[in-house]
Amino acid sequence: MQRTSYYIINAITAYRLVASFFLLFLVFTGQLDIFKWMLAISFFTDAIDGFLARKYKVSSLMGARLDSIADDLTVLVAIIGVFRLKPEFIQQELVLIIVLLALLVIQTVMALIRYGKISSFHTYLAKLAAVLQGSFLILLFFLPEPPLWLFYLASIVTLAELVEEIILVIILPKWEANVRNLFWVMKRNKQRQ
């Protein structure tokens, strides 16, 4: 059963990897109806694969890396979709979007320099940010008007999450997956001294 669960969960993650390229095609061909439904499915599968991996105790470093890549690609394609299909929203919120994207680039570059790969911390804040981002991005494409309150809430949590991950990259000498949060790491490091 455990081996079967491992393959099923990795297949869900692999779906998101492959779907991100198809989603990109849909964005550039202007197929909003198919795009929004596939995006919703991708965010839903993002929510369930990590849950299933923990439930069936089949998490692995490779799975964590693939999950992080699939998460990043899904969000990236969603953001490209917003730029391409909802330009008026981008113009309205450009400053905040630039700040968030800059922090994401800083965190990613720092992780690549420090570890030679992207981080896969999967902190509690990252999980909450992902749920809020996914919810906002899905609703943005399904509703006639953007739910700005959800955008601002997702932005605040994402800002805090990115700052936390930047600090984690600074204080963690080796790459780690599935770190709970900054306070947990500091407490653990203190206990080791």
N, C-alpha and C. Protein backbone atom coordinates (compact mmCIF):
# COMPACT_ATOMS: atom_id res chain seq x y z
N MET A 1 0.83 -1.20 0.00
CA MET A 1 0.00 0.00 0.00
C MET A 1 0.87 1.26 0.00
N GLN A 2 1.97 1.24 0.77
CA GLN A 2 2.80 2.42 0.88
C GLN A 2 3.44 2.77 -0.47
N ARG A 3 3.92 1.75 -1.19
CA ARG A 3 4.54 1.99 -2.49
C ARG A 3 3.50 2.55 -3.47
N THR A 4 2.30 2.01 -3.46
CA THR A 4 1.23 2.50 -4.33
C THR A 4 0.90 3.95 -4.00
N SER A 5 0.80 4.28 -2.71
CA SER A 5 0.52 5.66 -2.29
C SER A 5 1.61 6.60 -2.78
N TYR A 6 2.86 6.15 -2.68
CA TYR A 6 4.00 6.96 -3.12
C TYR A 6 3.86 7.31 -4.60
N TYR A 7 3.53 6.32 -5.43
CA TYR A 7 3.40 6.56 -6.87
C TYR A 7 2.18 7.45 -7.19
N ILE A 8 1.10 7.24 -6.49
CA ILE A 8 -0.10 8.06 -6.72
C ILE A 8 0.17 9.52 -6.37
N ILE A 9 0.80 9.74 -5.22
CA ILE A 9 1.08 11.11 -4.78
C ILE A 9 2.06 11.78 -5.72
N ASN A 10 3.10 11.08 -6.15
CA ASN A 10 4.04 11.66 -7.10
C ASN A 10 3.40 11.89 -8.47
N ALA A 11 2.43 11.06 -8.82
CA ALA A 11 1.70 11.27 -10.08
C ALA A 11 0.86 12.55 -10.01
N ILE A 12 0.29 12.82 -8.85
CA ILE A 12 -0.47 14.06 -8.68
C ILE A 12 0.45 15.27 -8.86
N THR A 13 1.63 15.19 -8.26
CA THR A 13 2.61 16.27 -8.41
C THR A 13 3.05 16.39 -9.86
N ALA A 14 3.30 15.26 -10.50
CA ALA A 14 3.72 15.26 -11.91
C ALA A 14 2.63 15.87 -12.79
N TYR A 15 1.37 15.61 -12.45
CA TYR A 15 0.26 16.23 -13.20
C TYR A 15 0.42 17.75 -13.19
N ARG A 16 0.71 18.33 -12.00
CA ARG A 16 0.84 19.78 -11.90
C ARG A 16 2.00 20.30 -12.73
N LEU A 17 3.09 19.53 -12.78
CA LEU A 17 4.24 19.93 -13.60
C LEU A 17 3.84 20.00 -15.08
N VAL A 18 3.20 18.95 -15.56
CA VAL A 18 2.79 18.89 -16.96
C VAL A 18 1.69 19.91 -17.25
N ALA A 19 0.74 20.01 -16.33
CA ALA A 19 -0.39 20.93 -16.53
C ALA A 19 0.06 22.37 -16.63
N SER A 20 1.14 22.73 -15.95
CA SER A 20 1.60 24.13 -15.99
C SER A 20 1.96 24.55 -17.41
N PHE A 21 2.53 23.65 -18.18
CA PHE A 21 2.88 23.98 -19.57
C PHE A 21 1.63 24.10 -20.45
N PHE A 22 0.66 23.23 -20.19
CA PHE A 22 -0.60 23.31 -20.93
C PHE A 22 -1.35 24.59 -20.54
N LEU A 23 -1.31 24.94 -19.26
CA LEU A 23 -1.93 26.18 -18.80
C LEU A 23 -1.31 27.40 -19.49
N LEU A 24 -0.01 27.37 -19.65
CA LEU A 24 0.68 28.46 -20.33
C LEU A 24 0.20 28.58 -21.77
N PHE A 25 0.04 27.44 -22.44
CA PHE A 25 -0.49 27.43 -23.81
C PHE A 25 -1.89 28.05 -23.83
N LEU A 26 -2.73 27.69 -22.86
CA LEU A 26 -4.09 28.23 -22.79
C LEU A 26 -4.10 29.75 -22.60
N VAL A 27 -3.16 30.24 -21.77
CA VAL A 27 -3.07 31.69 -21.55
C VAL A 27 -2.78 32.40 -22.86
N PHE A 28 -1.79 31.91 -23.59
CA PHE A 28 -1.37 32.62 -24.79
C PHE A 28 -2.30 32.41 -25.98
N THR A 29 -3.20 31.44 -25.87
CA THR A 29 -4.21 31.28 -26.92
C THR A 29 -5.55 31.88 -26.48
N GLY A 30 -5.57 32.50 -25.28
CA GLY A 30 -6.75 33.21 -24.81
C GLY A 30 -7.93 32.34 -24.44
N GLN A 31 -7.69 31.10 -24.06
CA GLN A 31 -8.77 30.18 -23.73
C GLN A 31 -9.05 30.22 -22.23
N LEU A 32 -9.69 31.32 -21.79
CA LEU A 32 -9.91 31.59 -20.37
C LEU A 32 -10.76 30.52 -19.70
N ASP A 33 -11.81 30.04 -20.35
CA ASP A 33 -12.70 29.07 -19.71
C ASP A 33 -11.97 27.78 -19.32
N ILE A 34 -11.20 27.22 -20.24
CA ILE A 34 -10.45 26.00 -19.94
C ILE A 34 -9.34 26.31 -18.94
N PHE A 35 -8.67 27.46 -19.13
CA PHE A 35 -7.57 27.86 -18.24
C PHE A 35 -8.04 27.93 -16.79
N LYS A 36 -9.16 28.61 -16.53
CA LYS A 36 -9.58 28.80 -15.14
C LYS A 36 -9.95 27.48 -14.47
N TRP A 37 -10.54 26.55 -15.22
CA TRP A 37 -10.90 25.26 -14.62
C TRP A 37 -9.65 24.40 -14.37
N MET A 38 -8.74 24.40 -15.32
CA MET A 38 -7.49 23.63 -15.11
C MET A 38 -6.65 24.23 -13.99
N LEU A 39 -6.65 25.55 -13.89
CA LEU A 39 -5.93 26.20 -12.80
C LEU A 39 -6.52 25.80 -11.45
N ALA A 40 -7.84 25.78 -11.37
CA ALA A 40 -8.51 25.37 -10.13
C ALA A 40 -8.13 23.93 -9.78
N ILE A 41 -8.10 23.05 -10.76
CA ILE A 41 -7.71 21.65 -10.52
C ILE A 41 -6.26 21.58 -10.05
N SER A 42 -5.39 22.37 -10.66
CA SER A 42 -3.98 22.36 -10.26
C SER A 42 -3.81 22.82 -8.81
N PHE A 43 -4.52 23.89 -8.43
CA PHE A 43 -4.43 24.34 -7.03
C PHE A 43 -5.03 23.31 -6.08
N PHE A 44 -6.11 22.66 -6.50
CA PHE A 44 -6.72 21.62 -5.64
C PHE A 44 -5.75 20.45 -5.45
N THR A 45 -5.11 20.01 -6.53
CA THR A 45 -4.17 18.89 -6.40
C THR A 45 -2.95 19.28 -5.56
N ASP A 46 -2.60 20.57 -5.60
CA ASP A 46 -1.52 21.06 -4.74
C ASP A 46 -1.91 20.88 -3.28
N ALA A 47 -3.15 21.15 -2.97
CA ALA A 47 -3.61 21.03 -1.58
C ALA A 47 -3.65 19.58 -1.11
N ILE A 48 -3.95 18.65 -2.02
CA ILE A 48 -4.12 17.27 -1.56
C ILE A 48 -2.84 16.43 -1.57
N ASP A 49 -1.88 16.74 -2.45
CA ASP A 49 -0.72 15.85 -2.51
C ASP A 49 0.13 15.89 -1.24
N GLY A 50 0.33 17.08 -0.68
CA GLY A 50 1.09 17.17 0.57
C GLY A 50 0.35 16.52 1.72
N PHE A 51 -0.96 16.74 1.77
CA PHE A 51 -1.78 16.12 2.81
C PHE A 51 -1.69 14.60 2.73
N LEU A 52 -1.81 14.07 1.51
CA LEU A 52 -1.75 12.61 1.34
C LEU A 52 -0.37 12.06 1.68
N ALA A 53 0.68 12.78 1.31
CA ALA A 53 2.04 12.33 1.62
C ALA A 53 2.25 12.22 3.13
N ARG A 54 1.73 13.20 3.87
CA ARG A 54 1.86 13.15 5.34
C ARG A 54 0.97 12.06 5.92
N LYS A 55 -0.23 11.93 5.41
CA LYS A 55 -1.17 10.95 5.94
C LYS A 55 -0.66 9.52 5.76
N TYR A 56 -0.11 9.23 4.59
CA TYR A 56 0.37 7.87 4.31
C TYR A 56 1.86 7.70 4.57
N LYS A 57 2.48 8.76 5.14
CA LYS A 57 3.89 8.72 5.54
C LYS A 57 4.80 8.27 4.38
N VAL A 58 4.60 8.92 3.23
CA VAL A 58 5.42 8.60 2.06
C VAL A 58 6.12 9.85 1.53
N SER A 59 6.42 10.77 2.43
CA SER A 59 7.13 11.96 1.97
C SER A 59 8.59 11.62 1.71
N SER A 60 9.16 12.30 0.73
CA SER A 60 10.56 12.08 0.38
C SER A 60 11.17 13.40 -0.04
N LEU A 61 12.50 13.45 -0.05
CA LEU A 61 13.18 14.67 -0.49
C LEU A 61 12.87 14.95 -1.96
N MET A 62 12.85 13.90 -2.78
CA MET A 62 12.53 14.10 -4.19
C MET A 62 11.09 14.62 -4.33
N GLY A 63 10.18 14.05 -3.56
CA GLY A 63 8.80 14.51 -3.61
C GLY A 63 8.66 15.96 -3.17
N ALA A 64 9.40 16.35 -2.12
CA ALA A 64 9.37 17.74 -1.65
C ALA A 64 9.91 18.68 -2.72
N ARG A 65 10.98 18.28 -3.39
CA ARG A 65 11.56 19.12 -4.46
C ARG A 65 10.58 19.26 -5.63
N LEU A 66 10.03 18.12 -6.06
CA LEU A 66 9.07 18.15 -7.17
C LEU A 66 7.85 18.98 -6.81
N ASP A 67 7.39 18.85 -5.57
CA ASP A 67 6.23 19.61 -5.12
C ASP A 67 6.52 21.10 -5.16
N SER A 68 7.70 21.50 -4.71
CA SER A 68 8.08 22.92 -4.73
C SER A 68 8.14 23.44 -6.16
N ILE A 69 8.72 22.67 -7.06
CA ILE A 69 8.81 23.08 -8.46
C ILE A 69 7.41 23.19 -9.06
N ALA A 70 6.57 22.19 -8.79
CA ALA A 70 5.20 22.22 -9.32
C ALA A 70 4.41 23.39 -8.74
N ASP A 71 4.60 23.68 -7.44
CA ASP A 71 3.94 24.83 -6.82
C ASP A 71 4.36 26.12 -7.52
N ASP A 72 5.68 26.29 -7.67
CA ASP A 72 6.20 27.51 -8.27
C ASP A 72 5.73 27.68 -9.71
N LEU A 73 5.73 26.59 -10.47
CA LEU A 73 5.27 26.67 -11.87
C LEU A 73 3.78 27.01 -11.94
N THR A 74 2.98 26.42 -11.07
CA THR A 74 1.54 26.69 -11.07
C THR A 74 1.28 28.16 -10.76
N VAL A 75 1.95 28.67 -9.73
CA VAL A 75 1.77 30.08 -9.37
C VAL A 75 2.30 30.99 -10.47
N LEU A 76 3.45 30.65 -11.04
CA LEU A 76 4.02 31.45 -12.12
C LEU A 76 3.07 31.53 -13.32
N VAL A 77 2.51 30.39 -13.70
CA VAL A 77 1.58 30.39 -14.84
C VAL A 77 0.33 31.18 -14.49
N ALA A 78 -0.14 31.08 -13.25
CA ALA A 78 -1.31 31.86 -12.83
C ALA A 78 -1.00 33.35 -12.91
N ILE A 79 0.20 33.74 -12.47
CA ILE A 79 0.59 35.16 -12.52
C ILE A 79 0.71 35.62 -13.98
N ILE A 80 1.29 34.80 -14.83
CA ILE A 80 1.35 35.14 -16.26
C ILE A 80 -0.07 35.29 -16.80
N GLY A 81 -0.96 34.42 -16.36
CA GLY A 81 -2.36 34.52 -16.77
C GLY A 81 -3.00 35.83 -16.33
N VAL A 82 -2.67 36.28 -15.12
CA VAL A 82 -3.20 37.55 -14.63
C VAL A 82 -2.66 38.70 -15.49
N PHE A 83 -1.34 38.70 -15.76
CA PHE A 83 -0.75 39.75 -16.59
C PHE A 83 -1.38 39.78 -17.98
N ARG A 84 -1.62 38.60 -18.53
CA ARG A 84 -2.11 38.51 -19.91
C ARG A 84 -3.63 38.72 -20.01
N LEU A 85 -4.38 38.15 -19.05
CA LEU A 85 -5.83 38.14 -19.17
C LEU A 85 -6.53 39.18 -18.29
N LYS A 86 -5.83 39.72 -17.28
CA LYS A 86 -6.42 40.71 -16.37
C LYS A 86 -5.49 41.92 -16.21
N PRO A 87 -5.09 42.55 -17.31
CA PRO A 87 -4.10 43.64 -17.22
C PRO A 87 -4.57 44.83 -16.38
N GLU A 88 -5.88 45.07 -16.33
CA GLU A 88 -6.39 46.18 -15.54
C GLU A 88 -6.14 45.97 -14.05
N PHE A 89 -6.21 44.74 -13.60
CA PHE A 89 -5.90 44.44 -12.20
C PHE A 89 -4.42 44.68 -11.92
N ILE A 90 -3.55 44.26 -12.83
CA ILE A 90 -2.11 44.45 -12.68
C ILE A 90 -1.80 45.95 -12.58
N GLN A 91 -2.39 46.76 -13.42
CA GLN A 91 -2.15 48.20 -13.38
C GLN A 91 -2.57 48.79 -12.04
N GLN A 92 -3.68 48.31 -11.52
CA GLN A 92 -4.22 48.82 -10.26
C GLN A 92 -3.33 48.47 -9.07
N GLU A 93 -2.72 47.28 -9.07
CA GLU A 93 -1.97 46.79 -7.91
C GLU A 93 -0.48 46.59 -8.23
N LEU A 94 0.04 47.32 -9.19
CA LEU A 94 1.40 47.10 -9.68
C LEU A 94 2.48 47.21 -8.61
N VAL A 95 2.40 48.20 -7.74
CA VAL A 95 3.45 48.40 -6.74
C VAL A 95 3.55 47.20 -5.80
N LEU A 96 2.43 46.75 -5.27
CA LEU A 96 2.43 45.60 -4.36
C LEU A 96 2.89 44.33 -5.08
N ILE A 97 2.48 44.15 -6.31
CA ILE A 97 2.89 42.97 -7.08
C ILE A 97 4.40 42.99 -7.31
N ILE A 98 4.95 44.15 -7.62
CA ILE A 98 6.40 44.26 -7.83
C ILE A 98 7.16 43.94 -6.54
N VAL A 99 6.68 44.43 -5.41
CA VAL A 99 7.33 44.15 -4.12
C VAL A 99 7.34 42.64 -3.85
N LEU A 100 6.20 41.99 -4.05
CA LEU A 100 6.11 40.55 -3.79
C LEU A 100 6.99 39.75 -4.75
N LEU A 101 6.98 40.12 -6.02
CA LEU A 101 7.82 39.42 -6.99
C LEU A 101 9.31 39.64 -6.70
N ALA A 102 9.68 40.84 -6.27
CA ALA A 102 11.07 41.12 -5.93
C ALA A 102 11.52 40.26 -4.74
N LEU A 103 10.67 40.15 -3.73
CA LEU A 103 11.02 39.31 -2.58
C LEU A 103 11.14 37.84 -2.98
N LEU A 104 10.26 37.39 -3.88
CA LEU A 104 10.34 36.01 -4.36
C LEU A 104 11.65 35.78 -5.10
N VAL A 105 12.03 36.71 -5.95
CA VAL A 105 13.29 36.58 -6.68
C VAL A 105 14.48 36.58 -5.71
N ILE A 106 14.46 37.48 -4.74
CA ILE A 106 15.54 37.54 -3.74
C ILE A 106 15.66 36.21 -3.00
N GLN A 107 14.53 35.69 -2.53
CA GLN A 107 14.54 34.42 -1.78
C GLN A 107 15.04 33.28 -2.66
N THR A 108 14.60 33.22 -3.90
CA THR A 108 15.00 32.15 -4.81
C THR A 108 16.48 32.22 -5.14
N VAL A 109 16.96 33.40 -5.46
CA VAL A 109 18.38 33.58 -5.79
C VAL A 109 19.25 33.24 -4.57
N MET A 110 18.84 33.69 -3.39
CA MET A 110 19.60 33.38 -2.18
C MET A 110 19.68 31.86 -1.96
N ALA A 111 18.55 31.16 -2.15
CA ALA A 111 18.54 29.70 -1.98
C ALA A 111 19.43 29.03 -3.02
N LEU A 112 19.36 29.49 -4.26
CA LEU A 112 20.20 28.91 -5.31
C LEU A 112 21.68 29.12 -5.01
N ILE A 113 22.04 30.29 -4.52
CA ILE A 113 23.44 30.56 -4.19
C ILE A 113 23.87 29.72 -2.98
N ARG A 114 23.04 29.68 -1.96
CA ARG A 114 23.40 28.99 -0.72
C ARG A 114 23.37 27.47 -0.86
N TYR A 115 22.30 26.95 -1.49
CA TYR A 115 22.09 25.50 -1.53
C TYR A 115 22.30 24.87 -2.91
N GLY A 116 22.33 25.69 -3.94
CA GLY A 116 22.43 25.15 -5.29
C GLY A 116 21.10 24.65 -5.83
N LYS A 117 20.02 24.95 -5.13
CA LYS A 117 18.66 24.57 -5.55
C LYS A 117 17.66 25.46 -4.83
N ILE A 118 16.42 25.43 -5.31
CA ILE A 118 15.39 26.24 -4.67
C ILE A 118 15.05 25.64 -3.30
N SER A 119 14.55 26.47 -2.44
CA SER A 119 14.17 25.99 -1.10
C SER A 119 12.88 25.19 -1.19
N SER A 120 12.73 24.29 -0.24
CA SER A 120 11.50 23.50 -0.12
C SER A 120 11.10 23.47 1.35
N PHE A 121 11.08 24.65 1.96
CA PHE A 121 10.83 24.72 3.40
C PHE A 121 9.41 24.27 3.77
N HIS A 122 8.44 24.58 2.94
CA HIS A 122 7.04 24.22 3.22
C HIS A 122 6.62 24.62 4.63
N THR A 123 6.92 25.85 5.01
CA THR A 123 6.57 26.34 6.34
C THR A 123 5.06 26.48 6.46
N TYR A 124 4.61 26.65 7.70
CA TYR A 124 3.18 26.86 7.91
C TYR A 124 2.70 28.13 7.20
N LEU A 125 3.52 29.18 7.24
CA LEU A 125 3.16 30.41 6.54
C LEU A 125 3.10 30.19 5.03
N ALA A 126 4.01 29.38 4.49
CA ALA A 126 4.00 29.09 3.06
C ALA A 126 2.73 28.35 2.67
N LYS A 127 2.31 27.43 3.52
CA LYS A 127 1.08 26.68 3.23
C LYS A 127 -0.14 27.60 3.27
N LEU A 128 -0.19 28.48 4.29
CA LEU A 128 -1.30 29.42 4.38
C LEU A 128 -1.28 30.38 3.20
N ALA A 129 -0.10 30.88 2.85
CA ALA A 129 0.03 31.79 1.70
C ALA A 129 -0.44 31.10 0.42
N ALA A 130 -0.06 29.84 0.25
CA ALA A 130 -0.46 29.10 -0.95
C ALA A 130 -1.97 28.96 -1.05
N VAL A 131 -2.62 28.68 0.07
CA VAL A 131 -4.09 28.55 0.07
C VAL A 131 -4.73 29.89 -0.28
N LEU A 132 -4.23 30.97 0.33
CA LEU A 132 -4.80 32.29 0.06
C LEU A 132 -4.52 32.73 -1.38
N GLN A 133 -3.29 32.51 -1.85
CA GLN A 133 -2.96 32.87 -3.23
C GLN A 133 -3.82 32.09 -4.22
N GLY A 134 -3.89 30.77 -4.00
CA GLY A 134 -4.68 29.93 -4.89
C GLY A 134 -6.14 30.34 -4.91
N SER A 135 -6.69 30.60 -3.73
CA SER A 135 -8.09 31.02 -3.63
C SER A 135 -8.32 32.32 -4.38
N PHE A 136 -7.41 33.28 -4.17
CA PHE A 136 -7.56 34.56 -4.86
C PHE A 136 -7.45 34.39 -6.37
N LEU A 137 -6.41 33.67 -6.81
CA LEU A 137 -6.19 33.54 -8.25
C LEU A 137 -7.35 32.81 -8.94
N ILE A 138 -7.90 31.81 -8.28
CA ILE A 138 -9.06 31.12 -8.86
C ILE A 138 -10.24 32.07 -8.95
N LEU A 139 -10.54 32.76 -7.84
CA LEU A 139 -11.69 33.67 -7.83
C LEU A 139 -11.51 34.84 -8.79
N LEU A 140 -10.28 35.28 -8.98
CA LEU A 140 -10.01 36.36 -9.91
C LEU A 140 -10.49 36.01 -11.32
N PHE A 141 -10.31 34.76 -11.70
CA PHE A 141 -10.72 34.35 -13.04
C PHE A 141 -12.20 33.94 -13.12
N PHE A 142 -12.80 33.62 -11.97
CA PHE A 142 -14.19 33.17 -11.98
C PHE A 142 -15.19 34.30 -11.71
N LEU A 143 -14.76 35.33 -10.96
CA LEU A 143 -15.68 36.41 -10.58
C LEU A 143 -15.54 37.60 -11.54
N PRO A 144 -16.62 38.37 -11.68
CA PRO A 144 -16.53 39.53 -12.57
C PRO A 144 -15.61 40.63 -12.03
N GLU A 145 -15.50 40.77 -10.71
CA GLU A 145 -14.62 41.76 -10.08
C GLU A 145 -13.65 41.04 -9.16
N PRO A 146 -12.39 41.50 -9.11
CA PRO A 146 -11.41 40.85 -8.24
C PRO A 146 -11.78 41.02 -6.76
N PRO A 147 -11.66 39.96 -5.97
CA PRO A 147 -11.90 40.08 -4.52
C PRO A 147 -10.68 40.73 -3.85
N LEU A 148 -10.68 42.05 -3.82
CA LEU A 148 -9.50 42.79 -3.35
C LEU A 148 -9.15 42.49 -1.90
N TRP A 149 -10.14 42.27 -1.05
CA TRP A 149 -9.85 41.95 0.36
C TRP A 149 -9.01 40.68 0.45
N LEU A 150 -9.31 39.69 -0.40
CA LEU A 150 -8.56 38.44 -0.40
C LEU A 150 -7.16 38.66 -0.98
N PHE A 151 -7.06 39.51 -1.97
CA PHE A 151 -5.75 39.84 -2.54
C PHE A 151 -4.86 40.47 -1.47
N TYR A 152 -5.39 41.43 -0.71
CA TYR A 152 -4.58 42.10 0.31
C TYR A 152 -4.21 41.14 1.44
N LEU A 153 -5.13 40.29 1.83
CA LEU A 153 -4.83 39.30 2.86
C LEU A 153 -3.75 38.33 2.38
N ALA A 154 -3.90 37.83 1.17
CA ALA A 154 -2.90 36.93 0.59
C ALA A 154 -1.55 37.63 0.47
N SER A 155 -1.56 38.90 0.12
CA SER A 155 -0.31 39.66 -0.03
C SER A 155 0.41 39.83 1.31
N ILE A 156 -0.33 40.12 2.36
CA ILE A 156 0.27 40.28 3.69
C ILE A 156 0.90 38.97 4.16
N VAL A 157 0.17 37.89 4.01
CA VAL A 157 0.69 36.58 4.44
C VAL A 157 1.89 36.19 3.56
N THR A 158 1.81 36.44 2.27
CA THR A 158 2.91 36.11 1.36
C THR A 158 4.14 36.93 1.69
N LEU A 159 3.97 38.20 1.99
CA LEU A 159 5.08 39.06 2.38
C LEU A 159 5.77 38.49 3.62
N ALA A 160 4.99 38.13 4.63
CA ALA A 160 5.55 37.55 5.86
C ALA A 160 6.25 36.23 5.57
N GLU A 161 5.66 35.42 4.72
CA GLU A 161 6.23 34.12 4.37
C GLU A 161 7.56 34.27 3.64
N LEU A 162 7.63 35.20 2.71
CA LEU A 162 8.87 35.41 1.96
C LEU A 162 9.99 35.95 2.85
N VAL A 163 9.65 36.86 3.75
CA VAL A 163 10.65 37.36 4.70
C VAL A 163 11.13 36.22 5.60
N GLU A 164 10.21 35.38 6.06
CA GLU A 164 10.59 34.23 6.88
C GLU A 164 11.52 33.30 6.12
N GLU A 165 11.23 33.04 4.85
CA GLU A 165 12.07 32.14 4.06
C GLU A 165 13.44 32.75 3.77
N ILE A 166 13.50 34.06 3.59
CA ILE A 166 14.80 34.72 3.40
C ILE A 166 15.64 34.54 4.66
N ILE A 167 15.03 34.73 5.82
CA ILE A 167 15.75 34.54 7.09
C ILE A 167 16.18 33.09 7.24
N LEU A 168 15.32 32.15 6.87
CA LEU A 168 15.67 30.74 6.96
C LEU A 168 16.86 30.40 6.07
N VAL A 169 16.90 30.95 4.88
CA VAL A 169 18.04 30.71 3.99
C VAL A 169 19.31 31.24 4.65
N ILE A 170 19.22 32.35 5.32
CA ILE A 170 20.38 32.94 5.98
C ILE A 170 20.86 32.07 7.15
N ILE A 171 19.93 31.53 7.95
CA ILE A 171 20.35 30.84 9.18
C ILE A 171 20.52 29.33 9.03
N LEU A 172 19.95 28.73 7.99
CA LEU A 172 20.11 27.29 7.81
C LEU A 172 21.30 27.01 6.90
N PRO A 173 22.35 26.41 7.43
CA PRO A 173 23.56 26.21 6.63
C PRO A 173 23.39 25.15 5.53
N LYS A 174 22.47 24.18 5.75
CA LYS A 174 22.24 23.12 4.76
C LYS A 174 20.77 23.14 4.33
N TRP A 175 20.54 22.68 3.11
CA TRP A 175 19.18 22.60 2.57
C TRP A 175 18.35 21.65 3.42
N GLU A 176 17.15 22.04 3.73
CA GLU A 176 16.21 21.20 4.46
C GLU A 176 14.84 21.32 3.83
N ALA A 177 14.08 20.26 3.91
CA ALA A 177 12.70 20.28 3.43
C ALA A 177 11.76 20.22 4.62
N ASN A 178 10.58 20.75 4.43
CA ASN A 178 9.51 20.65 5.42
C ASN A 178 9.89 21.22 6.78
N VAL A 179 10.35 22.46 6.78
CA VAL A 179 10.65 23.18 8.01
C VAL A 179 9.35 23.81 8.50
N ARG A 180 9.03 23.67 9.76
CA ARG A 180 7.75 24.18 10.26
C ARG A 180 7.65 25.70 10.19
N ASN A 181 8.60 26.37 10.83
CA ASN A 181 8.62 27.84 10.83
C ASN A 181 9.93 28.32 11.42
N LEU A 182 10.15 29.60 11.38
CA LEU A 182 11.38 30.21 11.86
C LEU A 182 11.58 29.94 13.36
N PHE A 183 10.54 30.08 14.14
CA PHE A 183 10.66 29.89 15.59
C PHE A 183 11.04 28.45 15.93
N TRP A 184 10.50 27.50 15.19
CA TRP A 184 10.83 26.09 15.40
C TRP A 184 12.32 25.85 15.11
N VAL A 185 12.83 26.45 14.03
CA VAL A 185 14.24 26.29 13.67
C VAL A 185 15.12 26.92 14.74
N MET A 186 14.77 28.11 15.22
CA MET A 186 15.56 28.78 16.25
C MET A 186 15.56 27.99 17.56
N LYS A 187 14.41 27.45 17.92
CA LYS A 187 14.31 26.64 19.13
C LYS A 187 15.15 25.36 18.99
N ARG A 188 15.05 24.72 17.83
CA ARG A 188 15.83 23.51 17.58
C ARG A 188 17.33 23.79 17.62
N ASN A 189 17.73 24.90 16.99
CA ASN A 189 19.14 25.26 17.00
C ASN A 189 19.64 25.57 18.39
N LYS A 190 18.82 26.20 19.19
CA LYS A 190 19.17 26.51 20.57
C LYS A 190 19.36 25.23 21.39
N GLN A 191 18.48 24.24 21.17
CA GLN A 191 18.57 22.97 21.89
C GLN A 191 19.82 22.19 21.51
N ARG A 192 20.29 22.36 20.29
CA ARG A 192 21.48 21.65 19.82
C ARG A 192 22.76 22.23 20.42
N GLN A 193 22.70 23.46 20.90
CA GLN A 193 23.93 24.11 21.44
C GLN A 193 24.26 23.63 22.82
